[in-house]
């Protein structure tokens, strides 16, 4: 039977080298646990970048997947199907928006939102043709398409992929004065992550989103919240914007909307934005397909019925406090919200990668982000007992001398 090294060699031989995964080969998962091909068990503290909020193979989501796979999987949008309407109906009502547009991946949903607010700017706000501007933030991560990486501030995301789409203005994250200064008569939207996930679990100043909402309303600019990673319970509310009672004009969802078994994303907005689309403007062969819609509806119901946002709020507050109480020579700061936690390491301790590798050796799968940050984001179905179990190896690694983790 092939082992870890054999599988890794095969993947490295036949795959493009666009990822740097930890040297573990997984073959099975359940809840917050995964097993590798050699039979070792690990706690998943990454949750596929929050796509597994409901845990691995949640039985209700798997049942919906199997049931629908036995009936009908794809129609394209050339025809109606009996799953998309109920899914979008419940999604819109749960999130408080009158309409939703289904897509597949998070990047597709971001592109959809960009197109929507641009067309709204031209057809409703009256911005002159080809002059629309969307404001974005430094350190952002909204996906990997050429348009999206074009407004990234990260060199590796951009290098070699230009020329890029114009029409984006970049400002510092969390700086309300910078946003105010950047808005002009051609501004149609402000695209922002309520917490920057890939950027290192960066939390903006308290009250920032509320100020953003008021500023955008006053300037007739659409506030577009990218909640692909932060939404659907991850930070202790259904949407992270809910922490400040902010209602974005456009909300982008993905990842956990597919329950970790199928790619499902969506854009939610009011009619003045959504109704700019007419037949032929925008679409997707797989967007809104019956299999994805059935999975999306089951995934949403698990989040609501099992009160996963509340679990994330309670366990997250306790878990972050436990992490802050670790007497570590390496930790600069612990930040986050709910079960989206970043442990920021001191530069003198080196990068986060060796720490992630040490955690892997002790049965914890976490991943470094932005060089100095270890991200902990377990499935929201995790129990306090399981987190207490995880804290034992986490303490060992964070308290170890520098020489053992570099």
Protein backbone atom coordinates (compact mmCIF):
# COMPACT_ATOMS: atom_id res chain seq x y z
CA UNK A 1 0.00 0.00 0.00
CA UNK A 2 1.35 3.43 -0.93
CA UNK A 3 2.40 5.66 1.93
CA UNK A 4 2.80 9.39 2.53
CA UNK A 5 6.05 9.84 0.59
CA UNK A 6 4.73 7.95 -2.43
CA UNK A 7 1.59 10.08 -2.67
CA UNK A 8 3.58 13.30 -2.24
CA UNK A 9 6.06 12.32 -4.95
CA UNK A 10 3.22 11.52 -7.35
CA UNK A 11 1.47 14.82 -6.66
CA UNK A 12 4.69 16.79 -7.06
CA UNK A 13 5.42 15.02 -10.33
CA UNK A 14 2.05 15.60 -11.97
CA UNK A 15 0.78 18.81 -10.37
CA UNK A 16 1.69 22.43 -11.03
CA UNK A 17 3.73 23.68 -8.08
CA UNK A 18 1.38 26.47 -7.04
CA UNK A 19 0.97 25.35 -3.43
CA UNK A 20 3.28 24.58 -0.52
CA UNK A 21 1.22 22.14 1.59
CA UNK A 22 2.33 20.57 4.81
CA UNK A 23 3.77 17.07 4.19
CA UNK A 24 0.67 15.14 5.19
CA UNK A 25 -1.63 13.08 2.92
CA UNK A 26 -5.19 12.87 4.20
CA UNK A 27 -7.65 10.13 3.27
CA UNK A 28 -10.56 10.37 5.72
CA UNK A 29 -12.36 12.94 7.86
CA UNK A 30 -15.17 13.19 10.38
CA UNK A 31 -16.24 16.24 12.36
CA UNK A 32 -13.09 18.14 13.31
CA UNK A 33 -10.80 15.12 12.83
CA UNK A 34 -8.90 13.81 9.81
CA UNK A 35 -6.72 10.73 9.24
CA UNK A 36 -3.73 10.35 6.95
CA UNK A 37 -2.83 7.41 4.72
CA UNK A 38 -0.56 6.03 7.45
CA UNK A 39 -3.38 5.94 10.00
CA UNK A 40 -2.37 9.01 12.03
CA UNK A 41 -5.16 11.19 13.43
CA UNK A 42 -5.08 15.01 13.37
CA UNK A 43 -7.35 17.79 14.51
CA UNK A 44 -8.19 20.00 11.54
CA UNK A 45 -7.56 23.57 12.73
CA UNK A 46 -7.82 25.11 9.25
CA UNK A 47 -11.25 23.87 8.10
CA UNK A 48 -10.25 24.27 4.44
CA UNK A 49 -9.99 28.03 4.99
CA UNK A 50 -13.44 28.04 6.69
CA UNK A 51 -15.17 25.95 4.02
CA UNK A 52 -15.74 23.25 6.65
CA UNK A 53 -17.58 25.25 9.32
CA UNK A 54 -20.00 22.32 9.63
CA UNK A 55 -17.15 19.83 9.98
CA UNK A 56 -16.05 17.01 7.71
CA UNK A 57 -18.85 14.95 6.16
CA UNK A 58 -21.71 16.37 8.19
CA UNK A 59 -24.36 13.63 7.91
CA UNK A 60 -27.21 15.97 6.92
CA UNK A 61 -25.15 17.57 4.15
CA UNK A 62 -23.88 14.24 2.87
CA UNK A 63 -27.46 12.90 2.86
CA UNK A 64 -28.64 15.89 0.81
CA UNK A 65 -25.75 15.40 -1.61
CA UNK A 66 -26.49 11.70 -2.11
CA UNK A 67 -30.24 12.16 -2.41
CA UNK A 68 -29.91 14.88 -5.04
CA UNK A 69 -27.15 13.03 -6.92
CA UNK A 70 -29.61 10.18 -7.37
CA UNK A 71 -32.20 12.53 -8.89
CA UNK A 72 -30.65 15.35 -10.98
CA UNK A 73 -27.25 17.03 -10.87
CA UNK A 74 -27.14 19.66 -13.62
CA UNK A 75 -29.53 21.48 -15.94
CA UNK A 76 -27.59 24.69 -16.69
CA UNK A 77 -29.53 27.93 -16.38
CA UNK A 78 -31.14 27.26 -19.78
CA UNK A 79 -33.86 25.52 -17.73
CA UNK A 80 -35.32 25.85 -14.26
CA UNK A 81 -34.73 23.23 -11.57
CA UNK A 82 -36.66 22.47 -8.39
CA UNK A 83 -33.75 23.15 -5.99
CA UNK A 84 -32.42 26.62 -6.80
CA UNK A 85 -35.55 28.57 -5.85
CA UNK A 86 -35.95 27.06 -2.38
CA UNK A 87 -32.22 27.48 -1.71
CA UNK A 88 -32.11 31.16 -2.71
CA UNK A 89 -35.41 31.81 -0.89
CA UNK A 90 -34.08 30.50 2.43
CA UNK A 91 -30.64 32.05 1.96
CA UNK A 92 -32.10 35.47 1.25
CA UNK A 93 -34.50 35.33 4.18
CA UNK A 94 -31.82 34.16 6.63
CA UNK A 95 -29.43 36.93 5.57
CA UNK A 96 -32.06 39.64 5.14
CA UNK A 97 -31.75 40.42 1.43
CA UNK A 98 -34.46 40.34 -1.25
CA UNK A 99 -32.40 38.60 -3.93
CA UNK A 100 -29.41 36.34 -4.41
CA UNK A 101 -27.38 35.26 -7.42
CA UNK A 102 -25.75 31.80 -7.17
CA UNK A 103 -22.29 30.99 -8.45
CA UNK A 104 -19.72 28.31 -7.66
CA UNK A 105 -16.46 29.63 -6.23
CA UNK A 106 -15.71 32.61 -4.05
CA UNK A 107 -13.68 34.28 -6.78
CA UNK A 108 -16.62 33.96 -9.18
CA UNK A 109 -18.87 35.60 -6.59
CA UNK A 110 -16.41 38.48 -6.16
CA UNK A 111 -16.30 38.98 -9.93
CA UNK A 112 -20.11 38.95 -9.94
CA UNK A 113 -20.25 41.64 -7.26
CA UNK A 114 -17.74 43.79 -9.16
CA UNK A 115 -19.82 43.55 -12.33
CA UNK A 116 -23.02 44.31 -10.42
CA UNK A 117 -21.82 47.47 -8.69
CA UNK A 118 -20.12 48.72 -11.85
CA UNK A 119 -23.29 48.33 -13.88
CA UNK A 120 -25.31 49.88 -11.05
CA UNK A 121 -22.91 52.82 -11.15
CA UNK A 122 -23.50 53.36 -14.86
CA UNK A 123 -27.23 52.63 -15.10
CA UNK A 124 -28.48 53.95 -11.75
CA UNK A 125 -25.93 56.36 -10.25
CA UNK A 126 -25.05 57.86 -13.62
CA UNK A 127 -21.27 57.50 -13.61
CA UNK A 128 -19.85 58.27 -17.08
CA UNK A 129 -19.06 55.23 -19.21
CA UNK A 130 -15.79 53.44 -18.37
CA UNK A 131 -15.10 55.76 -15.40
CA UNK A 132 -16.41 53.66 -12.49
CA UNK A 133 -14.04 53.16 -9.55
CA UNK A 134 -14.13 50.57 -6.78
CA UNK A 135 -12.11 51.18 -3.62
CA UNK A 136 -10.25 48.21 -2.11
CA UNK A 137 -7.88 47.75 0.82
CA UNK A 138 -4.20 46.98 1.11
CA UNK A 139 -3.47 43.46 2.32
CA UNK A 140 -6.73 42.22 0.82
CA UNK A 141 -7.47 38.75 -0.48
CA UNK A 142 -10.53 38.35 -2.69
CA UNK A 143 -9.46 35.52 -5.00
CA UNK A 144 -7.08 34.58 -7.79
CA UNK A 145 -8.58 35.76 -11.09
CA UNK A 146 -6.57 38.26 -13.13
CA UNK A 147 -8.98 41.08 -12.27
CA UNK A 148 -8.79 40.33 -8.56
CA UNK A 149 -5.02 39.87 -8.28
CA UNK A 150 -4.68 43.14 -10.18
CA UNK A 151 -5.93 45.01 -7.12
CA UNK A 152 -3.89 43.00 -4.62
CA UNK A 153 -1.00 44.64 -2.75
CA UNK A 154 0.88 41.32 -2.59
CA UNK A 155 3.69 40.99 -5.13
CA UNK A 156 3.57 37.18 -5.44
CA UNK A 157 -0.14 37.31 -6.31
CA UNK A 158 0.52 39.80 -9.12
CA UNK A 159 3.97 39.15 -10.54
CA UNK A 160 3.85 37.85 -14.09
CA UNK A 161 0.07 38.10 -14.53
CA UNK A 162 -0.43 41.62 -15.92
CA UNK A 163 -1.64 43.78 -17.55
CA UNK A 164 -4.40 44.30 -15.04
CA UNK A 165 -7.96 45.61 -15.09
CA UNK A 166 -8.17 49.34 -14.30
CA UNK A 167 -10.79 51.00 -12.09
CA UNK A 168 -9.58 50.08 -8.61
CA UNK A 169 -8.23 52.43 -5.92
CA UNK A 170 -6.29 51.00 -2.96
CA UNK A 171 -6.32 52.44 0.56
CA UNK A 172 -5.02 51.26 3.96
CA UNK A 173 -7.27 48.80 5.78
CA UNK A 174 -9.16 50.09 8.80
CA UNK A 175 -8.53 53.77 7.96
CA UNK A 176 -11.82 55.66 7.70
CA UNK A 177 -10.11 58.93 6.77
CA UNK A 178 -8.38 57.24 3.83
CA UNK A 179 -11.74 55.95 2.61
CA UNK A 180 -13.30 59.39 2.91
CA UNK A 181 -10.45 60.93 0.92
CA UNK A 182 -10.63 58.27 -1.81
CA UNK A 183 -14.34 58.62 -2.57
CA UNK A 184 -15.24 60.79 -5.55
CA UNK A 185 -18.14 61.20 -7.99
CA UNK A 186 -17.04 58.10 -9.92
CA UNK A 187 -16.84 55.79 -6.91
CA UNK A 188 -19.40 53.00 -7.19
CA UNK A 189 -18.32 50.61 -4.44
CA UNK A 190 -16.07 49.84 -1.49
CA UNK A 191 -15.04 46.16 -1.41
CA UNK A 192 -13.85 45.10 2.03
CA UNK A 193 -13.31 42.04 4.23
CA UNK A 194 -14.82 42.61 7.71
CA UNK A 195 -11.74 40.74 8.99
CA UNK A 196 -8.80 40.10 6.68
CA UNK A 197 -8.27 36.35 6.79
CA UNK A 198 -5.45 35.59 4.37
CA UNK A 199 -3.91 38.90 5.36
CA UNK A 200 -3.15 37.47 8.79
CA UNK A 201 -6.48 37.57 10.68
CA UNK A 202 -6.41 41.36 10.84
CA UNK A 203 -9.30 42.86 12.80
CA UNK A 204 -10.18 46.51 12.03
CA UNK A 205 -10.63 49.09 14.80
CA UNK A 206 -13.84 48.87 16.81
CA UNK A 207 -16.58 50.86 15.08
CA UNK A 208 -14.80 50.97 11.73
CA UNK A 209 -17.45 49.06 9.79
CA UNK A 210 -20.22 51.22 11.23
CA UNK A 211 -18.39 54.35 10.13
CA UNK A 212 -17.82 52.80 6.71
CA UNK A 213 -21.52 52.06 6.38
CA UNK A 214 -22.50 55.65 7.21
CA UNK A 215 -19.87 57.12 4.89
CA UNK A 216 -20.89 54.91 1.96
CA UNK A 217 -24.59 55.67 2.48
CA UNK A 218 -23.94 59.39 2.51
CA UNK A 219 -21.81 59.26 -0.64
CA UNK A 220 -24.14 56.91 -2.59
CA UNK A 221 -21.43 54.26 -2.75
CA UNK A 222 -22.25 50.56 -2.42
CA UNK A 223 -20.66 48.81 0.54
CA UNK A 224 -19.61 45.34 -0.64
CA UNK A 225 -18.72 42.94 2.20
CA UNK A 226 -16.61 39.93 1.24
CA UNK A 227 -17.80 37.42 3.85
CA UNK A 228 -16.57 34.36 1.96
CA UNK A 229 -14.23 33.37 4.78
CA UNK A 230 -15.69 35.38 7.69
CA UNK A 231 -19.38 34.67 7.12
CA UNK A 232 -21.77 31.83 7.95
CA UNK A 233 -20.91 31.67 11.63
CA UNK A 234 -17.12 31.65 11.60
CA UNK A 235 -16.63 34.74 13.77
CA UNK A 236 -19.54 34.24 16.15
CA UNK A 237 -22.31 35.85 14.11
CA UNK A 238 -23.99 34.76 10.89
CA UNK A 239 -22.08 37.60 9.24
CA UNK A 240 -19.10 39.39 10.77
CA UNK A 241 -20.79 42.68 9.84
CA UNK A 242 -23.51 41.76 12.35
CA UNK A 243 -21.08 42.48 15.21
CA UNK A 244 -21.57 46.20 14.49
CA UNK A 245 -25.16 45.96 13.20
CA UNK A 246 -23.91 46.83 9.72
CA UNK A 247 -25.96 45.87 6.68
CA UNK A 248 -23.77 45.92 3.59
CA UNK A 249 -25.42 46.75 0.26
CA UNK A 250 -23.86 43.63 -1.25
CA UNK A 251 -22.73 40.49 0.59
CA UNK A 252 -20.47 37.86 -0.96
CA UNK A 253 -20.64 34.29 0.38
CA UNK A 254 -18.86 31.05 -0.48
CA UNK A 255 -16.75 28.38 1.24
CA UNK A 256 -19.02 27.06 4.05
CA UNK A 257 -22.08 27.61 1.85
CA UNK A 258 -21.10 24.32 0.21
CA UNK A 259 -20.64 22.51 3.51
CA UNK A 260 -17.19 21.28 2.55
CA UNK A 261 -18.54 18.89 -0.10
CA UNK A 262 -19.37 21.02 -3.14
CA UNK A 263 -18.39 24.52 -4.37
CA UNK A 264 -21.31 26.92 -3.81
CA UNK A 265 -21.14 30.71 -3.66
CA UNK A 266 -23.63 33.57 -3.85
CA UNK A 267 -24.01 37.32 -4.02
CA UNK A 268 -26.86 38.90 -2.06
CA UNK A 269 -28.10 42.44 -2.64
CA UNK A 270 -31.10 44.74 -2.86
CA UNK A 271 -33.11 45.09 -6.05
CA UNK A 272 -31.45 48.31 -7.21
CA UNK A 273 -28.18 46.38 -7.58
CA UNK A 274 -29.42 42.93 -8.53
CA UNK A 275 -31.91 44.17 -11.11
CA UNK A 276 -29.19 45.68 -13.29
CA UNK A 277 -28.63 42.19 -14.67
CA UNK A 278 -30.63 41.18 -17.72
CA UNK A 279 -30.53 37.90 -19.68
CA UNK A 280 -27.12 37.49 -21.29
CA UNK A 281 -25.30 39.93 -18.97
CA UNK A 282 -23.81 37.35 -16.66
CA UNK A 283 -24.05 33.65 -15.98
CA UNK A 284 -22.48 30.32 -15.14
CA UNK A 285 -23.12 26.83 -16.48
CA UNK A 286 -22.93 25.33 -13.00
CA UNK A 287 -24.20 28.30 -10.98
CA UNK A 288 -27.45 27.39 -9.22
CA UNK A 289 -27.26 23.76 -10.34
CA UNK A 290 -29.62 21.41 -8.47
CA UNK A 291 -26.84 19.46 -6.75
CA UNK A 292 -25.14 22.62 -5.49
CA UNK A 293 -28.48 24.17 -4.45
CA UNK A 294 -29.48 21.09 -2.47
CA UNK A 295 -26.10 21.04 -0.73
CA UNK A 296 -26.23 24.79 -0.09
CA UNK A 297 -29.65 24.57 1.51
CA UNK A 298 -28.59 21.69 3.75
CA UNK A 299 -25.37 23.51 4.68
CA UNK A 300 -27.27 26.65 5.63
CA UNK A 301 -29.79 24.73 7.71
CA UNK A 302 -27.03 22.99 9.68
CA UNK A 303 -25.51 26.38 10.55
CA UNK A 304 -28.85 27.73 11.74
CA UNK A 305 -30.29 24.64 13.43
CA UNK A 306 -27.09 23.72 15.28
CA UNK A 307 -26.51 27.34 16.30
CA UNK A 308 -22.95 27.31 15.00
CA UNK A 309 -22.47 31.10 15.20
CA UNK A 310 -23.30 31.00 18.91
CA UNK A 311 -20.90 28.08 19.43
CA UNK A 312 -18.16 30.02 17.63
CA UNK A 313 -18.73 33.09 19.80
CA UNK A 314 -18.61 31.19 23.09
CA UNK A 315 -15.80 28.77 22.30
CA UNK A 316 -13.80 31.38 20.42
CA UNK A 317 -13.75 33.84 23.33
CA UNK A 318 -12.59 31.08 25.68
CA UNK A 319 -10.03 29.66 23.23
CA UNK A 320 -8.42 33.04 22.51
CA UNK A 321 -8.12 33.73 26.22
CA UNK A 322 -6.42 30.36 26.72
CA UNK A 323 -3.98 31.16 23.91
CA UNK A 324 -3.23 34.58 25.39
CA UNK A 325 -2.46 32.99 28.74
CA UNK A 326 0.27 30.77 27.26
CA UNK A 327 3.63 31.96 28.55
CA UNK A 328 5.46 31.89 25.22
CA UNK A 329 8.73 33.51 24.17
CA UNK A 330 7.44 33.59 20.58
CA UNK A 331 3.98 35.16 20.66
CA UNK A 332 3.58 38.83 19.85
CA UNK A 333 -0.21 38.94 19.82
CA UNK A 334 -3.34 36.79 19.63
CA UNK A 335 -6.12 38.34 17.57
CA UNK A 336 -9.34 37.36 15.92
CA UNK A 337 -13.02 36.89 16.57
CA UNK A 338 -15.04 33.77 17.22
CA UNK A 339 -13.16 30.74 15.94
CA UNK A 340 -11.08 32.72 13.47
CA UNK A 341 -7.86 33.20 15.40
CA UNK A 342 -4.40 34.39 14.44
CA UNK A 343 -1.34 33.88 16.65
CA UNK A 344 1.18 36.50 15.57
CA UNK A 345 4.80 35.49 16.15
CA UNK A 346 7.71 37.76 16.94
CA UNK A 347 10.12 38.27 14.07
CA UNK A 348 12.93 37.11 16.34
CA UNK A 349 11.26 33.68 16.44
CA UNK A 350 11.40 33.23 12.68
CA UNK A 351 8.49 32.46 10.39
CA UNK A 352 5.33 30.56 11.26
CA UNK A 353 6.00 27.64 8.92
CA UNK A 354 8.24 25.63 11.31
CA UNK A 355 5.67 26.08 14.07
CA UNK A 356 2.96 24.68 11.78
CA UNK A 357 5.22 21.73 10.99
CA UNK A 358 5.84 21.09 14.68
CA UNK A 359 2.10 21.22 15.36
CA UNK A 360 1.55 18.69 12.58
CA UNK A 361 3.99 16.32 14.24
CA UNK A 362 1.86 16.59 17.38
CA UNK A 363 -1.48 15.98 15.65
CA UNK A 364 -2.64 19.55 14.95
CA UNK A 365 -3.14 20.76 11.38
CA UNK A 366 -2.83 24.54 11.22
CA UNK A 367 -1.31 26.70 8.51
CA UNK A 368 0.89 29.74 8.41
CA UNK A 369 -0.30 32.91 6.71
CA UNK A 370 1.61 36.10 6.00
CA UNK A 371 4.89 34.65 7.28
CA UNK A 372 4.42 35.49 10.99
CA UNK A 373 0.89 34.25 11.72
CA UNK A 374 -0.40 30.81 12.69
CA UNK A 375 -4.11 30.61 11.92
CA UNK A 376 -6.40 28.48 14.08
CA UNK A 377 -9.88 27.99 12.61
CA UNK A 378 -11.36 24.62 13.58
CA UNK A 379 -14.77 23.44 12.36
CA UNK A 380 -17.50 25.15 14.36
CA UNK A 381 -18.80 21.76 15.51
CA UNK A 382 -15.68 21.32 17.65
CA UNK A 383 -16.29 20.80 21.36
CA UNK A 384 -14.59 22.53 24.28
CA UNK A 385 -13.14 19.17 25.31
CA UNK A 386 -11.57 18.76 21.87
CA UNK A 387 -10.13 22.28 22.00
CA UNK A 388 -8.71 21.55 25.45
CA UNK A 389 -7.06 18.47 23.94
CA UNK A 390 -5.61 20.64 21.14
CA UNK A 391 -4.24 23.19 23.59
CA UNK A 392 -1.79 20.66 25.03
CA UNK A 393 0.39 20.36 21.89
CA UNK A 394 -0.20 24.02 21.03
CA UNK A 395 1.29 25.02 24.41
CA UNK A 396 4.22 22.65 23.87
CA UNK A 397 5.08 24.19 20.51
CA UNK A 398 4.59 27.81 21.55
CA UNK A 399 6.64 27.36 24.72
CA UNK A 400 9.51 25.48 23.07
CA UNK A 401 12.89 27.23 22.64
CA UNK A 402 13.50 28.98 19.32
CA UNK A 403 16.07 26.38 18.31
CA UNK A 404 13.40 23.65 18.21
CA UNK A 405 11.06 25.55 15.88
CA UNK A 406 13.41 27.07 13.29
